[in-house]
Amino acid sequence: MNTTKNNQSQTAAGVDGWFNRQAEKFEASRFFWMSIYLTVQSCLGSVACMYILKNNASDIMLVSCAAVTMGANAVFISQGPGKWCLLSFYISVLLNLFFIFTNI
């Protein structure tokens, strides 16, 4: 019976297990990772805004790029829960990378 529970926990790992491991790693040294993630996503957001302005792209792209980046910064600065910090970081990075690649 223990092997059944062990197999179920291994199969349920997937993305949720990966995210939970990232959250545990984040919480272990929260202020180190907060400073790294805050700096990386802020720089990436400013680069994305630069490319959006350089291409005279839609104002909606610029506003959404700035809003997502500032929202992630707000979660970090307000010391939100670890999972919120990680989720906002990943959303910010993915969206800003999308904006960079569409405006190069």
PDB file of N, CA and C in Angstrom:
ATOM      1  N   MET A   1       0.810  -1.178   0.000  1.00  0.00           N
ATOM      2  CA  MET A   1       0.000   0.000   0.000  1.00  0.00           C
ATOM      3  C   MET A   1       0.863   1.255   0.000  1.00  0.00           C
ATOM      4  N   ASN A   2       1.998   1.231   0.604  1.00  0.00           N
ATOM      5  CA  ASN A   2       2.896   2.375   0.592  1.00  0.00           C
ATOM      6  C   ASN A   2       3.435   2.642  -0.804  1.00  0.00           C
ATOM      7  N   THR A   3       3.613   1.594  -1.585  1.00  0.00           N
ATOM      8  CA  THR A   3       4.126   1.806  -2.939  1.00  0.00           C
ATOM      9  C   THR A   3       3.099   2.518  -3.796  1.00  0.00           C
ATOM     10  N   THR A   4       1.817   2.286  -3.559  1.00  0.00           N
ATOM     11  CA  THR A   4       0.782   2.973  -4.323  1.00  0.00           C
ATOM     12  C   THR A   4       0.808   4.474  -4.029  1.00  0.00           C
ATOM     13  N   LYS A   5       0.920   4.840  -2.773  1.00  0.00           N
ATOM     14  CA  LYS A   5       0.991   6.248  -2.422  1.00  0.00           C
ATOM     15  C   LYS A   5       2.244   6.886  -2.978  1.00  0.00           C
ATOM     16  N   ASN A   6       3.352   6.149  -2.942  1.00  0.00           N
ATOM     17  CA  ASN A   6       4.616   6.669  -3.461  1.00  0.00           C
ATOM     18  C   ASN A   6       4.537   6.890  -4.964  1.00  0.00           C
ATOM     19  N   ASN A   7       3.929   5.955  -5.694  1.00  0.00           N
ATOM     20  CA  ASN A   7       3.790   6.102  -7.144  1.00  0.00           C
ATOM     21  C   ASN A   7       2.867   7.262  -7.496  1.00  0.00           C
ATOM     22  N   GLN A   8       1.797   7.453  -6.714  1.00  0.00           N
ATOM     23  CA  GLN A   8       0.878   8.546  -6.985  1.00  0.00           C
ATOM     24  C   GLN A   8       1.554   9.893  -6.766  1.00  0.00           C
ATOM     25  N   SER A   9       2.382  10.004  -5.748  1.00  0.00           N
ATOM     26  CA  SER A   9       3.047  11.278  -5.499  1.00  0.00           C
ATOM     27  C   SER A   9       4.095  11.566  -6.563  1.00  0.00           C
ATOM     28  N   GLN A  10       4.704  10.539  -7.112  1.00  0.00           N
ATOM     29  CA  GLN A  10       5.688  10.751  -8.167  1.00  0.00           C
ATOM     30  C   GLN A  10       5.025  11.165  -9.469  1.00  0.00           C
ATOM     31  N   THR A  11       3.863  10.596  -9.776  1.00  0.00           N
ATOM     32  CA  THR A  11       3.199  10.952 -11.027  1.00  0.00           C
ATOM     33  C   THR A  11       2.551  12.331 -10.943  1.00  0.00           C
ATOM     34  N   ALA A  12       2.214  12.782  -9.740  1.00  0.00           N
ATOM     35  CA  ALA A  12       1.590  14.086  -9.585  1.00  0.00           C
ATOM     36  C   ALA A  12       2.617  15.216  -9.564  1.00  0.00           C
ATOM     37  N   ALA A  13       3.895  14.877  -9.687  1.00  0.00           N
ATOM     38  CA  ALA A  13       4.943  15.898  -9.585  1.00  0.00           C
ATOM     39  C   ALA A  13       4.791  16.926 -10.683  1.00  0.00           C
ATOM     40  N   GLY A  14       4.956  16.571 -11.919  1.00  0.00           N
ATOM     41  CA  GLY A  14       4.772  17.438 -13.071  1.00  0.00           C
ATOM     42  C   GLY A  14       5.136  18.890 -12.866  1.00  0.00           C
ATOM     43  N   VAL A  15       4.350  19.769 -13.465  1.00  0.00           N
ATOM     44  CA  VAL A  15       4.589  21.208 -13.386  1.00  0.00           C
ATOM     45  C   VAL A  15       4.316  21.716 -11.979  1.00  0.00           C
ATOM     46  N   ASP A  16       3.268  21.211 -11.349  1.00  0.00           N
ATOM     47  CA  ASP A  16       2.931  21.652  -9.998  1.00  0.00           C
ATOM     48  C   ASP A  16       4.058  21.316  -9.025  1.00  0.00           C
ATOM     49  N   GLY A  17       4.634  20.137  -9.147  1.00  0.00           N
ATOM     50  CA  GLY A  17       5.752  19.758  -8.285  1.00  0.00           C
ATOM     51  C   GLY A  17       6.974  20.621  -8.535  1.00  0.00           C
ATOM     52  N   TRP A  18       7.225  20.936  -9.797  1.00  0.00           N
ATOM     53  CA  TRP A  18       8.355  21.796 -10.142  1.00  0.00           C
ATOM     54  C   TRP A  18       8.159  23.185  -9.550  1.00  0.00           C
ATOM     55  N   PHE A  19       6.939  23.712  -9.662  1.00  0.00           N
ATOM     56  CA  PHE A  19       6.648  25.046  -9.134  1.00  0.00           C
ATOM     57  C   PHE A  19       6.768  25.067  -7.608  1.00  0.00           C
ATOM     58  N   ASN A  20       6.292  24.003  -6.947  1.00  0.00           N
ATOM     59  CA  ASN A  20       6.409  23.936  -5.493  1.00  0.00           C
ATOM     60  C   ASN A  20       7.863  23.856  -5.050  1.00  0.00           C
ATOM     61  N   ARG A  21       8.692  23.132  -5.794  1.00  0.00           N
ATOM     62  CA  ARG A  21      10.129  23.082  -5.470  1.00  0.00           C
ATOM     63  C   ARG A  21      10.766  24.451  -5.660  1.00  0.00           C
ATOM     64  N   GLN A  22      10.359  25.184  -6.698  1.00  0.00           N
ATOM     65  CA  GLN A  22      10.869  26.539  -6.903  1.00  0.00           C
ATOM     66  C   GLN A  22      10.445  27.455  -5.762  1.00  0.00           C
ATOM     67  N   ALA A  23       9.212  27.302  -5.294  1.00  0.00           N
ATOM     68  CA  ALA A  23       8.724  28.129  -4.182  1.00  0.00           C
ATOM     69  C   ALA A  23       9.494  27.825  -2.900  1.00  0.00           C
ATOM     70  N   GLU A  24       9.806  26.566  -2.661  1.00  0.00           N
ATOM     71  CA  GLU A  24      10.589  26.205  -1.475  1.00  0.00           C
ATOM     72  C   GLU A  24      12.005  26.772  -1.571  1.00  0.00           C
ATOM     73  N   LYS A  25      12.593  26.692  -2.749  1.00  0.00           N
ATOM     74  CA  LYS A  25      13.926  27.256  -2.951  1.00  0.00           C
ATOM     75  C   LYS A  25      13.898  28.771  -2.765  1.00  0.00           C
ATOM     76  N   PHE A  26      12.853  29.410  -3.259  1.00  0.00           N
ATOM     77  CA  PHE A  26      12.698  30.853  -3.120  1.00  0.00           C
ATOM     78  C   PHE A  26      12.581  31.244  -1.648  1.00  0.00           C
ATOM     79  N   GLU A  27      11.763  30.513  -0.897  1.00  0.00           N
ATOM     80  CA  GLU A  27      11.550  30.838   0.513  1.00  0.00           C
ATOM     81  C   GLU A  27      12.796  30.576   1.353  1.00  0.00           C
ATOM     82  N   ALA A  28      13.651  29.645   0.924  1.00  0.00           N
ATOM     83  CA  ALA A  28      14.860  29.323   1.695  1.00  0.00           C
ATOM     84  C   ALA A  28      15.798  30.533   1.776  1.00  0.00           C
ATOM     85  N   SER A  29      15.903  31.275   0.695  1.00  0.00           N
ATOM     86  CA  SER A  29      16.727  32.494   0.710  1.00  0.00           C
ATOM     87  C   SER A  29      15.973  33.590  -0.029  1.00  0.00           C
ATOM     88  N   ARG A  30      14.898  34.009   0.566  1.00  0.00           N
ATOM     89  CA  ARG A  30      13.915  34.907  -0.039  1.00  0.00           C
ATOM     90  C   ARG A  30      14.513  36.216  -0.523  1.00  0.00           C
ATOM     91  N   PHE A  31      15.275  36.908   0.306  1.00  0.00           N
ATOM     92  CA  PHE A  31      15.744  38.247  -0.048  1.00  0.00           C
ATOM     93  C   PHE A  31      16.815  38.205  -1.132  1.00  0.00           C
ATOM     94  N   PHE A  32      17.596  37.140  -1.175  1.00  0.00           N
ATOM     95  CA  PHE A  32      18.563  36.987  -2.274  1.00  0.00           C
ATOM     96  C   PHE A  32      17.822  36.837  -3.597  1.00  0.00           C
ATOM     97  N   TRP A  33      16.864  35.899  -3.642  1.00  0.00           N
ATOM     98  CA  TRP A  33      16.144  35.660  -4.895  1.00  0.00           C
ATOM     99  C   TRP A  33      15.263  36.837  -5.267  1.00  0.00           C
ATOM    100  N   MET A  34      14.688  37.523  -4.273  1.00  0.00           N
ATOM    101  CA  MET A  34      13.870  38.698  -4.586  1.00  0.00           C
ATOM    102  C   MET A  34      14.691  39.758  -5.298  1.00  0.00           C
ATOM    103  N   SER A  35      15.896  40.006  -4.815  1.00  0.00           N
ATOM    104  CA  SER A  35      16.721  41.032  -5.455  1.00  0.00           C
ATOM    105  C   SER A  35      17.142  40.618  -6.858  1.00  0.00           C
ATOM    106  N   ILE A  36      17.468  39.349  -7.048  1.00  0.00           N
ATOM    107  CA  ILE A  36      17.852  38.862  -8.378  1.00  0.00           C
ATOM    108  C   ILE A  36      16.668  38.945  -9.337  1.00  0.00           C
ATOM    109  N   TYR A  37      15.526  38.391  -8.932  1.00  0.00           N
ATOM    110  CA  TYR A  37      14.351  38.364  -9.807  1.00  0.00           C
ATOM    111  C   TYR A  37      13.844  39.774 -10.108  1.00  0.00           C
ATOM    112  N   LEU A  38      13.856  40.640  -9.106  1.00  0.00           N
ATOM    113  CA  LEU A  38      13.410  42.013  -9.298  1.00  0.00           C
ATOM    114  C   LEU A  38      14.279  42.730 -10.319  1.00  0.00           C
ATOM    115  N   THR A  39      15.583  42.568 -10.207  1.00  0.00           N
ATOM    116  CA  THR A  39      16.503  43.219 -11.136  1.00  0.00           C
ATOM    117  C   THR A  39      16.351  42.674 -12.548  1.00  0.00           C
ATOM    118  N   VAL A  40      16.287  41.351 -12.673  1.00  0.00           N
ATOM    119  CA  VAL A  40      16.206  40.723 -14.004  1.00  0.00           C
ATOM    120  C   VAL A  40      14.926  41.126 -14.717  1.00  0.00           C
ATOM    121  N   GLN A  41      13.806  41.003 -14.033  1.00  0.00           N
ATOM    122  CA  GLN A  41      12.552  41.293 -14.740  1.00  0.00           C
ATOM    123  C   GLN A  41      12.371  42.780 -14.977  1.00  0.00           C
ATOM    124  N   SER A  42      12.932  43.636 -14.138  1.00  0.00           N
ATOM    125  CA  SER A  42      12.854  45.083 -14.396  1.00  0.00           C
ATOM    126  C   SER A  42      13.684  45.463 -15.615  1.00  0.00           C
ATOM    127  N   CYS A  43      14.887  44.895 -15.711  1.00  0.00           N
ATOM    128  CA  CYS A  43      15.737  45.174 -16.878  1.00  0.00           C
ATOM    129  C   CYS A  43      15.104  44.637 -18.153  1.00  0.00           C
ATOM    130  N   LEU A  44      14.532  43.435 -18.075  1.00  0.00           N
ATOM    131  CA  LEU A  44      13.888  42.851 -19.247  1.00  0.00           C
ATOM    132  C   LEU A  44      12.671  43.678 -19.664  1.00  0.00           C
ATOM    133  N   GLY A  45      11.919  44.180 -18.694  1.00  0.00           N
ATOM    134  CA  GLY A  45      10.769  45.027 -18.999  1.00  0.00           C
ATOM    135  C   GLY A  45      11.179  46.331 -19.652  1.00  0.00           C
ATOM    136  N   SER A  46      12.296  46.914 -19.203  1.00  0.00           N
ATOM    137  CA  SER A  46      12.737  48.167 -19.817  1.00  0.00           C
ATOM    138  C   SER A  46      13.250  47.946 -21.233  1.00  0.00           C
ATOM    139  N   VAL A  47      13.885  46.805 -21.473  1.00  0.00           N
ATOM    140  CA  VAL A  47      14.335  46.484 -22.836  1.00  0.00           C
ATOM    141  C   VAL A  47      13.127  46.277 -23.741  1.00  0.00           C
ATOM    142  N   ALA A  48      12.108  45.590 -23.235  1.00  0.00           N
ATOM    143  CA  ALA A  48      10.894  45.384 -24.036  1.00  0.00           C
ATOM    144  C   ALA A  48      10.219  46.720 -24.347  1.00  0.00           C
ATOM    145  N   CYS A  49      10.152  47.619 -23.366  1.00  0.00           N
ATOM    146  CA  CYS A  49       9.565  48.945 -23.615  1.00  0.00           C
ATOM    147  C   CYS A  49      10.377  49.719 -24.646  1.00  0.00           C
ATOM    148  N   MET A  50      11.703  49.574 -24.602  1.00  0.00           N
ATOM    149  CA  MET A  50      12.556  50.263 -25.565  1.00  0.00           C
ATOM    150  C   MET A  50      12.255  49.792 -26.988  1.00  0.00           C
ATOM    151  N   TYR A  51      12.137  48.478 -27.171  1.00  0.00           N
ATOM    152  CA  TYR A  51      11.842  47.953 -28.504  1.00  0.00           C
ATOM    153  C   TYR A  51      10.442  48.344 -28.966  1.00  0.00           C
ATOM    154  N   ILE A  52       9.490  48.381 -28.041  1.00  0.00           N
ATOM    155  CA  ILE A  52       8.131  48.796 -28.404  1.00  0.00           C
ATOM    156  C   ILE A  52       8.134  50.249 -28.866  1.00  0.00           C
ATOM    157  N   LEU A  53       8.831  51.112 -28.142  1.00  0.00           N
ATOM    158  CA  LEU A  53       8.900  52.527 -28.530  1.00  0.00           C
ATOM    159  C   LEU A  53       9.695  52.719 -29.811  1.00  0.00           C
ATOM    160  N   LYS A  54      10.745  51.929 -29.991  1.00  0.00           N
ATOM    161  CA  LYS A  54      11.580  52.042 -31.185  1.00  0.00           C
ATOM    162  C   LYS A  54      10.787  51.700 -32.447  1.00  0.00           C
ATOM    163  N   ASN A  55       9.890  50.740 -32.359  1.00  0.00           N
ATOM    164  CA  ASN A  55       9.106  50.307 -33.517  1.00  0.00           C
ATOM    165  C   ASN A  55       7.803  51.080 -33.681  1.00  0.00           C
ATOM    166  N   ASN A  56       7.549  52.042 -32.810  1.00  0.00           N
ATOM    167  CA  ASN A  56       6.265  52.750 -32.822  1.00  0.00           C
ATOM    168  C   ASN A  56       5.102  51.775 -32.813  1.00  0.00           C
ATOM    169  N   ALA A  57       5.226  50.771 -31.957  1.00  0.00           N
ATOM    170  CA  ALA A  57       4.188  49.747 -31.853  1.00  0.00           C
ATOM    171  C   ALA A  57       2.987  50.302 -31.095  1.00  0.00           C
ATOM    172  N   SER A  58       2.012  49.466 -30.923  1.00  0.00           N
ATOM    173  CA  SER A  58       0.754  49.858 -30.286  1.00  0.00           C
ATOM    174  C   SER A  58       0.977  50.354 -28.855  1.00  0.00           C
ATOM    175  N   ASP A  59       0.181  51.338 -28.480  1.00  0.00           N
ATOM    176  CA  ASP A  59       0.245  51.845 -27.110  1.00  0.00           C
ATOM    177  C   ASP A  59      -0.207  50.786 -26.105  1.00  0.00           C
ATOM    178  N   ILE A  60      -1.076  49.893 -26.547  1.00  0.00           N
ATOM    179  CA  ILE A  60      -1.548  48.819 -25.670  1.00  0.00           C
ATOM    180  C   ILE A  60      -0.387  47.902 -25.287  1.00  0.00           C
ATOM    181  N   MET A  61       0.503  47.646 -26.233  1.00  0.00           N
ATOM    182  CA  MET A  61       1.680  46.829 -25.928  1.00  0.00           C
ATOM    183  C   MET A  61       2.547  47.510 -24.880  1.00  0.00           C
ATOM    184  N   LEU A  62       2.762  48.801 -25.045  1.00  0.00           N
ATOM    185  CA  LEU A  62       3.593  49.545 -24.098  1.00  0.00           C
ATOM    186  C   LEU A  62       2.967  49.565 -22.713  1.00  0.00           C
ATOM    187  N   VAL A  63       1.670  49.817 -22.652  1.00  0.00           N
ATOM    188  CA  VAL A  63       0.980  49.884 -21.372  1.00  0.00           C
ATOM    189  C   VAL A  63       0.974  48.523 -20.680  1.00  0.00           C
ATOM    190  N   SER A  64       0.710  47.463 -21.443  1.00  0.00           N
ATOM    191  CA  SER A  64       0.688  46.138 -20.823  1.00  0.00           C
ATOM    192  C   SER A  64       2.079  45.707 -20.379  1.00  0.00           C
ATOM    193  N   CYS A  65       3.103  46.057 -21.143  1.00  0.00           N
ATOM    194  CA  CYS A  65       4.479  45.747 -20.756  1.00  0.00           C
ATOM    195  C   CYS A  65       4.834  46.448 -19.450  1.00  0.00           C
ATOM    196  N   ALA A  66       4.538  47.724 -19.374  1.00  0.00           N
ATOM    197  CA  ALA A  66       4.845  48.492 -18.163  1.00  0.00           C
ATOM    198  C   ALA A  66       3.999  48.027 -16.979  1.00  0.00           C
ATOM    199  N   ALA A  67       2.734  47.717 -17.211  1.00  0.00           N
ATOM    200  CA  ALA A  67       1.852  47.308 -16.118  1.00  0.00           C
ATOM    201  C   ALA A  67       2.266  45.967 -15.525  1.00  0.00           C
ATOM    202  N   VAL A  68       2.609  45.015 -16.389  1.00  0.00           N
ATOM    203  CA  VAL A  68       3.015  43.701 -15.888  1.00  0.00           C
ATOM    204  C   VAL A  68       4.331  43.811 -15.126  1.00  0.00           C
ATOM    205  N   THR A  69       5.256  44.602 -15.660  1.00  0.00           N
ATOM    206  CA  THR A  69       6.541  44.770 -14.978  1.00  0.00           C
ATOM    207  C   THR A  69       6.364  45.472 -13.638  1.00  0.00           C
ATOM    208  N   MET A  70       5.572  46.530 -13.605  1.00  0.00           N
ATOM    209  CA  MET A  70       5.345  47.234 -12.344  1.00  0.00           C
ATOM    210  C   MET A  70       4.544  46.390 -11.360  1.00  0.00           C
ATOM    211  N   GLY A  71       3.634  45.571 -11.877  1.00  0.00           N
ATOM    212  CA  GLY A  71       2.878  44.675 -10.997  1.00  0.00           C
ATOM    213  C   GLY A  71       3.774  43.643 -10.330  1.00  0.00           C
ATOM    214  N   ALA A  72       4.693  43.081 -11.102  1.00  0.00           N
ATOM    215  CA  ALA A  72       5.635  42.127 -10.527  1.00  0.00           C
ATOM    216  C   ALA A  72       6.540  42.811  -9.511  1.00  0.00           C
ATOM    217  N   ASN A  73       6.974  44.032  -9.824  1.00  0.00           N
ATOM    218  CA  ASN A  73       7.775  44.793  -8.861  1.00  0.00           C
ATOM    219  C   ASN A  73       6.995  45.032  -7.578  1.00  0.00           C
ATOM    220  N   ALA A  74       5.716  45.342  -7.695  1.00  0.00           N
ATOM    221  CA  ALA A  74       4.887  45.606  -6.512  1.00  0.00           C
ATOM    222  C   ALA A  74       4.757  44.366  -5.639  1.00  0.00           C
ATOM    223  N   VAL A  75       4.612  43.198  -6.266  1.00  0.00           N
ATOM    224  CA  VAL A  75       4.508  41.964  -5.487  1.00  0.00           C
ATOM    225  C   VAL A  75       5.813  41.701  -4.741  1.00  0.00           C
ATOM    226  N   PHE A  76       6.940  41.921  -5.401  1.00  0.00           N
ATOM    227  CA  PHE A  76       8.225  41.720  -4.732  1.00  0.00           C
ATOM    228  C   PHE A  76       8.436  42.717  -3.602  1.00  0.00           C
ATOM    229  N   ILE A  77       8.176  43.990  -3.862  1.00  0.00           N
ATOM    230  CA  ILE A  77       8.432  45.021  -2.866  1.00  0.00           C
ATOM    231  C   ILE A  77       7.506  44.872  -1.661  1.00  0.00           C
ATOM    232  N   SER A  78       6.267  44.466  -1.896  1.00  0.00           N
ATOM    233  CA  SER A  78       5.340  44.278  -0.783  1.00  0.00           C
ATOM    234  C   SER A  78       5.563  42.956  -0.059  1.00  0.00           C
ATOM    235  N   GLN A  79       6.543  42.176  -0.503  1.00  0.00           N
ATOM    236  CA  GLN A  79       6.895  40.882   0.081  1.00  0.00           C
ATOM    237  C   GLN A  79       5.695  39.946   0.118  1.00  0.00           C
ATOM    238  N   GLY A  80       5.094  39.788  -1.045  1.00  0.00           N
ATOM    239  CA  GLY A  80       3.962  38.884  -1.171  1.00  0.00           C
ATOM    240  C   GLY A  80       4.383  37.442  -0.947  1.00  0.00           C
ATOM    241  N   PRO A  81       3.409  36.547  -0.940  1.00  0.00           N
ATOM    242  CA  PRO A  81       3.731  35.125  -0.778  1.00  0.00           C
ATOM    243  C   PRO A  81       4.690  34.644  -1.870  1.00  0.00           C
ATOM    244  N   GLY A  82       5.477  33.639  -1.540  1.00  0.00           N
ATOM    245  CA  GLY A  82       6.495  33.153  -2.464  1.00  0.00           C
ATOM    246  C   GLY A  82       5.938  32.722  -3.811  1.00  0.00           C
ATOM    247  N   LYS A  83       4.805  32.035  -3.800  1.00  0.00           N
ATOM    248  CA  LYS A  83       4.221  31.574  -5.061  1.00  0.00           C
ATOM    249  C   LYS A  83       3.737  32.744  -5.910  1.00  0.00           C
ATOM    250  N   TRP A  84       3.232  33.786  -5.279  1.00  0.00           N
ATOM    251  CA  TRP A  84       2.813  34.974  -6.032  1.00  0.00           C
ATOM    252  C   TRP A  84       4.016  35.649  -6.659  1.00  0.00           C
ATOM    253  N   CYS A  85       5.099  35.739  -5.892  1.00  0.00           N
ATOM    254  CA  CYS A  85       6.323  36.356  -6.418  1.00  0.00           C
ATOM    255  C   CYS A  85       6.821  35.599  -7.643  1.00  0.00           C
ATOM    256  N   LEU A  86       6.878  34.277  -7.525  1.00  0.00           N
ATOM    257  CA  LEU A  86       7.361  33.477  -8.653  1.00  0.00           C
ATOM    258  C   LEU A  86       6.427  33.565  -9.849  1.00  0.00           C
ATOM    259  N   LEU A  87       5.141  33.488  -9.595  1.00  0.00           N
ATOM    260  CA  LEU A  87       4.177  33.549 -10.693  1.00  0.00           C
ATOM    261  C   LEU A  87       4.244  34.896 -11.406  1.00  0.00           C
ATOM    262  N   SER A  88       4.331  35.979 -10.657  1.00  0.00           N
ATOM    263  CA  SER A  88       4.420  37.296 -11.294  1.00  0.00           C
ATOM    264  C   SER A  88       5.740  37.444 -12.044  1.00  0.00           C
ATOM    265  N   PHE A  89       6.815  36.876 -11.515  1.00  0.00           N
ATOM    266  CA  PHE A  89       8.097  36.918 -12.211  1.00  0.00           C
ATOM    267  C   PHE A  89       8.027  36.171 -13.533  1.00  0.00           C
ATOM    268  N   TYR A  90       7.490  34.957 -13.513  1.00  0.00           N
ATOM    269  CA  TYR A  90       7.419  34.163 -14.749  1.00  0.00           C
ATOM    270  C   TYR A  90       6.503  34.803 -15.783  1.00  0.00           C
ATOM    271  N   ILE A  91       5.376  35.349 -15.355  1.00  0.00           N
ATOM    272  CA  ILE A  91       4.473  36.022 -16.292  1.00  0.00           C
ATOM    273  C   ILE A  91       5.160  37.239 -16.903  1.00  0.00           C
ATOM    274  N   SER A  92       5.842  38.011 -16.066  1.00  0.00           N
ATOM    275  CA  SER A  92       6.534  39.206 -16.552  1.00  0.00           C
ATOM    276  C   SER A  92       7.617  38.843 -17.561  1.00  0.00           C
ATOM    277  N   VAL A  93       8.402  37.835 -17.250  1.00  0.00           N
ATOM    278  CA  VAL A  93       9.483  37.435 -18.152  1.00  0.00           C
ATOM    279  C   VAL A  93       8.919  36.923 -19.474  1.00  0.00           C
ATOM    280  N   LEU A  94       7.925  36.063 -19.419  1.00  0.00           N
ATOM    281  CA  LEU A  94       7.362  35.513 -20.661  1.00  0.00           C
ATOM    282  C   LEU A  94       6.724  36.590 -21.526  1.00  0.00           C
ATOM    283  N   LEU A  95       5.947  37.468 -20.912  1.00  0.00           N
ATOM    284  CA  LEU A  95       5.286  38.519 -21.688  1.00  0.00           C
ATOM    285  C   LEU A  95       6.300  39.497 -22.273  1.00  0.00           C
ATOM    286  N   ASN A  96       7.308  39.875 -21.483  1.00  0.00           N
ATOM    287  CA  ASN A  96       8.305  40.809 -21.984  1.00  0.00           C
ATOM    288  C   ASN A  96       9.179  40.178 -23.069  1.00  0.00           C
ATOM    289  N   LEU A  97       9.485  38.888 -22.949  1.00  0.00           N
ATOM    290  CA  LEU A  97      10.210  38.219 -24.021  1.00  0.00           C
ATOM    291  C   LEU A  97       9.374  38.170 -25.300  1.00  0.00           C
ATOM    292  N   PHE A  98       8.081  37.945 -25.149  1.00  0.00           N
ATOM    293  CA  PHE A  98       7.182  37.963 -26.313  1.00  0.00           C
ATOM    294  C   PHE A  98       7.218  39.335 -26.989  1.00  0.00           C
ATOM    295  N   PHE A  99       7.142  40.396 -26.199  1.00  0.00           N
ATOM    296  CA  PHE A  99       7.174  41.746 -26.765  1.00  0.00           C
ATOM    297  C   PHE A  99       8.516  42.055 -27.423  1.00  0.00           C
ATOM    298  N   ILE A 100       9.586  41.573 -26.836  1.00  0.00           N
ATOM    299  CA  ILE A 100      10.911  41.807 -27.440  1.00  0.00           C
ATOM    300  C   ILE A 100      10.999  41.102 -28.785  1.00  0.00           C
ATOM    301  N   PHE A 101      10.598  39.841 -28.829  1.00  0.00           N
ATOM    302  CA  PHE A 101      10.729  39.080 -30.088  1.00  0.00           C
ATOM    303  C   PHE A 101       9.761  39.561 -31.171  1.00  0.00           C
ATOM    304  N   THR A 102       8.617  40.116 -30.782  1.00  0.00           N
ATOM    305  CA  THR A 102       7.708  40.626 -31.809  1.00  0.00           C
ATOM    306  C   THR A 102       8.130  42.012 -32.317  1.00  0.00           C
ATOM    307  N   ASN A 103       9.002  42.702 -31.599  1.00  0.00           N
ATOM    308  CA  ASN A 103       9.384  44.049 -32.007  1.00  0.00           C
ATOM    309  C   ASN A 103      10.830  44.190 -32.427  1.00  0.00           C
ATOM    310  N   ILE A 104      11.542  43.104 -32.551  1.00  0.00           N
ATOM    311  CA  ILE A 104      12.944  43.198 -32.998  1.00  0.00           C
ATOM    312  C   ILE A 104      12.991  43.553 -34.467  1.00  0.00           C
TER     313      ILE A 104
END
